[in-house]
C-alpha atoms as a PDB file:
ATOM      1  CA  UNK A   1       0.000   0.000   0.000  1.00  0.00           C
ATOM      2  CA  UNK A   2       1.283   3.444  -0.928  1.00  0.00           C
ATOM      3  CA  UNK A   3       2.018   5.711   2.004  1.00  0.00           C
ATOM      4  CA  UNK A   4       1.384   9.400   1.272  1.00  0.00           C
ATOM      5  CA  UNK A   5       3.851  12.101   2.254  1.00  0.00           C
ATOM      6  CA  UNK A   6       1.944  14.724   4.249  1.00  0.00           C
ATOM      7  CA  UNK A   7       1.545  18.189   2.785  1.00  0.00           C
ATOM      8  CA  UNK A   8       3.460  21.100   4.275  1.00  0.00           C
ATOM      9  CA  UNK A   9       2.692  24.786   4.419  1.00  0.00           C
ATOM     10  CA  UNK A  10       4.886  27.073   2.337  1.00  0.00           C
ATOM     11  CA  UNK A  11       6.343  28.412   5.581  1.00  0.00           C
ATOM     12  CA  UNK A  12       7.253  24.905   6.753  1.00  0.00           C
ATOM     13  CA  UNK A  13       8.855  24.124   3.402  1.00  0.00           C
ATOM     14  CA  UNK A  14      10.847  27.372   3.470  1.00  0.00           C
ATOM     15  CA  UNK A  15      11.960  26.677   7.049  1.00  0.00           C
ATOM     16  CA  UNK A  16      13.179  23.218   6.043  1.00  0.00           C
ATOM     17  CA  UNK A  17      14.962  24.562   2.962  1.00  0.00           C
ATOM     18  CA  UNK A  18      16.716  27.320   4.926  1.00  0.00           C
ATOM     19  CA  UNK A  19      17.701  25.058   7.821  1.00  0.00           C
ATOM     20  CA  UNK A  20      18.983  22.374   5.491  1.00  0.00           C
ATOM     21  CA  UNK A  21      20.852  24.762   3.204  1.00  0.00           C
ATOM     22  CA  UNK A  22      22.566  26.489   6.108  1.00  0.00           C
ATOM     23  CA  UNK A  23      23.723  23.193   7.560  1.00  0.00           C
ATOM     24  CA  UNK A  24      24.724  21.810   4.156  1.00  0.00           C
ATOM     25  CA  UNK A  25      26.983  24.801   3.501  1.00  0.00           C
ATOM     26  CA  UNK A  26      28.414  24.929   7.038  1.00  0.00           C
ATOM     27  CA  UNK A  27      31.998  23.922   7.530  1.00  0.00           C
ATOM     28  CA  UNK A  28      32.717  21.479  10.325  1.00  0.00           C
ATOM     29  CA  UNK A  29      34.975  22.970  12.981  1.00  0.00           C
ATOM     30  CA  UNK A  30      37.214  19.994  13.468  1.00  0.00           C
ATOM     31  CA  UNK A  31      36.738  16.320  13.815  1.00  0.00           C
ATOM     32  CA  UNK A  32      35.713  14.626  17.060  1.00  0.00           C
ATOM     33  CA  UNK A  33      38.400  12.530  18.733  1.00  0.00           C
ATOM     34  CA  UNK A  34      38.873   9.012  17.361  1.00  0.00           C
ATOM     35  CA  UNK A  35      36.199   6.636  18.608  1.00  0.00           C
ATOM     36  CA  UNK A  36      33.821   9.492  19.470  1.00  0.00           C
ATOM     37  CA  UNK A  37      32.502  10.183  15.990  1.00  0.00           C
ATOM     38  CA  UNK A  38      28.782  10.872  16.107  1.00  0.00           C
ATOM     39  CA  UNK A  39      26.900   8.888  13.480  1.00  0.00           C
ATOM     40  CA  UNK A  40      23.622   9.881  11.852  1.00  0.00           C
ATOM     41  CA  UNK A  41      21.387   8.611   9.096  1.00  0.00           C
ATOM     42  CA  UNK A  42      23.483   8.464   5.938  1.00  0.00           C
ATOM     43  CA  UNK A  43      26.927   8.727   7.532  1.00  0.00           C
ATOM     44  CA  UNK A  44      28.909  11.030   9.744  1.00  0.00           C
ATOM     45  CA  UNK A  45      28.080  14.627  10.615  1.00  0.00           C
ATOM     46  CA  UNK A  46      31.000  15.608   8.380  1.00  0.00           C
ATOM     47  CA  UNK A  47      28.800  14.761   5.410  1.00  0.00           C
ATOM     48  CA  UNK A  48      26.911  17.814   4.068  1.00  0.00           C
ATOM     49  CA  UNK A  49      23.826  15.711   3.360  1.00  0.00           C
ATOM     50  CA  UNK A  50      23.839  14.354   6.923  1.00  0.00           C
ATOM     51  CA  UNK A  51      24.077  17.885   8.321  1.00  0.00           C
ATOM     52  CA  UNK A  52      21.211  18.857   5.984  1.00  0.00           C
ATOM     53  CA  UNK A  53      18.981  16.059   7.291  1.00  0.00           C
ATOM     54  CA  UNK A  54      19.900  16.654  10.944  1.00  0.00           C
ATOM     55  CA  UNK A  55      19.165  20.396  10.596  1.00  0.00           C
ATOM     56  CA  UNK A  56      15.690  19.735   9.191  1.00  0.00           C
ATOM     57  CA  UNK A  57      15.059  17.069  11.821  1.00  0.00           C
ATOM     58  CA  UNK A  58      16.115  19.538  14.531  1.00  0.00           C
ATOM     59  CA  UNK A  59      13.967  22.352  13.112  1.00  0.00           C
ATOM     60  CA  UNK A  60      10.923  20.062  13.345  1.00  0.00           C
ATOM     61  CA  UNK A  61      11.925  18.284  16.564  1.00  0.00           C
ATOM     62  CA  UNK A  62       8.455  18.751  18.077  1.00  0.00           C
ATOM     63  CA  UNK A  63       6.763  17.240  15.025  1.00  0.00           C
ATOM     64  CA  UNK A  64       8.647  14.139  13.818  1.00  0.00           C
ATOM     65  CA  UNK A  65       6.100  13.351  11.079  1.00  0.00           C
ATOM     66  CA  UNK A  66       6.483  16.888   9.722  1.00  0.00           C
ATOM     67  CA  UNK A  67      10.264  16.463   9.844  1.00  0.00           C
ATOM     68  CA  UNK A  68      10.058  13.299   7.768  1.00  0.00           C
ATOM     69  CA  UNK A  69       7.722  14.980   5.263  1.00  0.00           C
ATOM     70  CA  UNK A  70       9.981  18.043   5.090  1.00  0.00           C
ATOM     71  CA  UNK A  71      13.054  15.918   4.408  1.00  0.00           C
ATOM     72  CA  UNK A  72      11.216  13.971   1.696  1.00  0.00           C
ATOM     73  CA  UNK A  73       9.780  17.076   0.023  1.00  0.00           C
ATOM     74  CA  UNK A  74      13.042  19.038   0.118  1.00  0.00           C
ATOM     75  CA  UNK A  75      15.487  16.276  -0.792  1.00  0.00           C
ATOM     76  CA  UNK A  76      13.433  14.389  -3.348  1.00  0.00           C
ATOM     77  CA  UNK A  77      10.896  16.872  -4.682  1.00  0.00           C
ATOM     78  CA  UNK A  78      12.328  20.388  -4.394  1.00  0.00           C
ATOM     79  CA  UNK A  79      15.783  19.244  -5.474  1.00  0.00           C
ATOM     80  CA  UNK A  80      14.453  17.588  -8.637  1.00  0.00           C
ATOM     81  CA  UNK A  81      12.004  20.390  -9.406  1.00  0.00           C
ATOM     82  CA  UNK A  82      14.595  23.152  -9.021  1.00  0.00           C
ATOM     83  CA  UNK A  83      17.038  21.298 -11.289  1.00  0.00           C
ATOM     84  CA  UNK A  84      14.405  20.879 -14.006  1.00  0.00           C
ATOM     85  CA  UNK A  85      14.551  23.380 -16.917  1.00  0.00           C
ATOM     86  CA  UNK A  86      10.829  24.041 -16.449  1.00  0.00           C
ATOM     87  CA  UNK A  87      11.685  25.745 -13.142  1.00  0.00           C
ATOM     88  CA  UNK A  88      13.480  28.612 -14.910  1.00  0.00           C
ATOM     89  CA  UNK A  89      10.447  30.942 -15.094  1.00  0.00           C
ATOM     90  CA  UNK A  90       9.779  30.383 -11.383  1.00  0.00           C
ATOM     91  CA  UNK A  91      13.341  30.867 -10.112  1.00  0.00           C
ATOM     92  CA  UNK A  92      15.724  33.815 -10.003  1.00  0.00           C
ATOM     93  CA  UNK A  93      19.373  33.227  -9.331  1.00  0.00           C
ATOM     94  CA  UNK A  94      20.962  36.166  -7.502  1.00  0.00           C
ATOM     95  CA  UNK A  95      23.960  37.567  -9.373  1.00  0.00           C
ATOM     96  CA  UNK A  96      25.865  37.863  -6.099  1.00  0.00           C
ATOM     97  CA  UNK A  97      25.345  34.232  -5.117  1.00  0.00           C
ATOM     98  CA  UNK A  98      23.291  33.127  -2.151  1.00  0.00           C
ATOM     99  CA  UNK A  99      19.886  31.503  -1.981  1.00  0.00           C
ATOM    100  CA  UNK A 100      17.636  31.102  -4.990  1.00  0.00           C
ATOM    101  CA  UNK A 101      14.558  33.311  -5.160  1.00  0.00           C
ATOM    102  CA  UNK A 102      11.780  30.772  -5.779  1.00  0.00           C
ATOM    103  CA  UNK A 103       8.316  32.022  -6.772  1.00  0.00           C
ATOM    104  CA  UNK A 104       5.591  31.425  -4.194  1.00  0.00           C
ATOM    105  CA  UNK A 105       3.606  29.305  -6.661  1.00  0.00           C
ATOM    106  CA  UNK A 106       6.401  26.761  -7.156  1.00  0.00           C
ATOM    107  CA  UNK A 107       7.027  26.565  -3.408  1.00  0.00           C
ATOM    108  CA  UNK A 108       3.330  25.956  -2.799  1.00  0.00           C
ATOM    109  CA  UNK A 109       3.210  23.264  -5.491  1.00  0.00           C
ATOM    110  CA  UNK A 110       6.211  21.478  -3.977  1.00  0.00           C
ATOM    111  CA  UNK A 111       4.656  21.677  -0.508  1.00  0.00           C
ATOM    112  CA  UNK A 112       1.201  20.426  -1.603  1.00  0.00           C
ATOM    113  CA  UNK A 113       1.569  18.101  -4.593  1.00  0.00           C
ATOM    114  CA  UNK A 114       0.342  14.569  -3.818  1.00  0.00           C
ATOM    115  CA  UNK A 115       3.420  12.478  -3.141  1.00  0.00           C
ATOM    116  CA  UNK A 116       4.060   8.936  -1.940  1.00  0.00           C
ATOM    117  CA  UNK A 117       7.103   7.635  -0.077  1.00  0.00           C
ATOM    118  CA  UNK A 118       9.497   5.793  -2.362  1.00  0.00           C
ATOM    119  CA  UNK A 119       8.081   7.211  -5.606  1.00  0.00           C
ATOM    120  CA  UNK A 120       9.810   9.737  -7.863  1.00  0.00           C
ATOM    121  CA  UNK A 121       8.832  13.396  -7.768  1.00  0.00           C
ATOM    122  CA  UNK A 122       5.765  13.994  -9.976  1.00  0.00           C
ATOM    123  CA  UNK A 123       7.413  16.836 -11.911  1.00  0.00           C
ATOM    124  CA  UNK A 124       4.669  17.176 -14.545  1.00  0.00           C
ATOM    125  CA  UNK A 125       2.075  17.683 -11.822  1.00  0.00           C
ATOM    126  CA  UNK A 126       4.336  20.057  -9.851  1.00  0.00           C
ATOM    127  CA  UNK A 127       4.753  22.442 -12.773  1.00  0.00           C
ATOM    128  CA  UNK A 128       1.075  22.246 -13.761  1.00  0.00           C
ATOM    129  CA  UNK A 129       0.064  22.990 -10.166  1.00  0.00           C
ATOM    130  CA  UNK A 130       2.643  25.799  -9.907  1.00  0.00           C
ATOM    131  CA  UNK A 131       1.131  27.445 -12.984  1.00  0.00           C
ATOM    132  CA  UNK A 132      -2.422  27.057 -11.593  1.00  0.00           C
ATOM    133  CA  UNK A 133      -1.327  28.661  -8.324  1.00  0.00           C
ATOM    134  CA  UNK A 134       0.553  31.457 -10.121  1.00  0.00           C
ATOM    135  CA  UNK A 135      -2.587  32.290 -12.103  1.00  0.00           C
ATOM    136  CA  UNK A 136      -4.539  32.457  -8.839  1.00  0.00           C
ATOM    137  CA  UNK A 137      -1.911  34.702  -7.220  1.00  0.00           C
ATOM    138  CA  UNK A 138      -1.355  36.856 -10.314  1.00  0.00           C
ATOM    139  CA  UNK A 139      -4.575  36.824 -12.385  1.00  0.00           C
ATOM    140  CA  UNK A 140      -3.920  37.605 -16.030  1.00  0.00           C
ATOM    141  CA  UNK A 141      -0.187  36.961 -15.825  1.00  0.00           C
ATOM    142  CA  UNK A 142       1.276  35.427 -18.951  1.00  0.00           C
ATOM    143  CA  UNK A 143       2.311  31.805 -18.688  1.00  0.00           C
ATOM    144  CA  UNK A 144       6.048  31.428 -18.212  1.00  0.00           C
ATOM    145  CA  UNK A 145       7.789  29.970 -21.204  1.00  0.00           C
ATOM    146  CA  UNK A 146      10.839  27.787 -21.176  1.00  0.00           C
ATOM    147  CA  UNK A 147      13.183  28.498 -24.095  1.00  0.00           C
ATOM    148  CA  UNK A 148      12.874  25.812 -26.791  1.00  0.00           C
ATOM    149  CA  UNK A 149      16.402  24.488 -26.222  1.00  0.00           C
ATOM    150  CA  UNK A 150      15.734  23.944 -22.521  1.00  0.00           C
ATOM    151  CA  UNK A 151      12.615  21.785 -22.690  1.00  0.00           C
ATOM    152  CA  UNK A 152      12.848  18.115 -21.905  1.00  0.00           C
END
């Protein structure tokens, strides 16, 4: 039986993305003494992905089911969606570096799209839902277009 991943609010998704990104980019300040290495899911805390997961888990420490949903939606849905060429109209990359500016509609689609544990991100549905939400937020806005060479 398929087990659904709970929806998140946009604020919860943003919190998870910020917590995870900050931890992912953080430099470790030295290694623990031999034999005292702290292990986590996926390896040691020296691993950026482990720090990412631990940061999200910590941010949602009072709601473990939300933490699990946040990890799933950020690592397996947001990551794939933001790497997809169809995300271009919904994402601005700052010229000075730093965090991506992701349109509210794409964030909401990532947070709400029906998703099941162990299944790939439903990218077609994410971008269709993001466009529906964008039209609701910005009535009359032209549909974003992906340049011909960037479509899959």
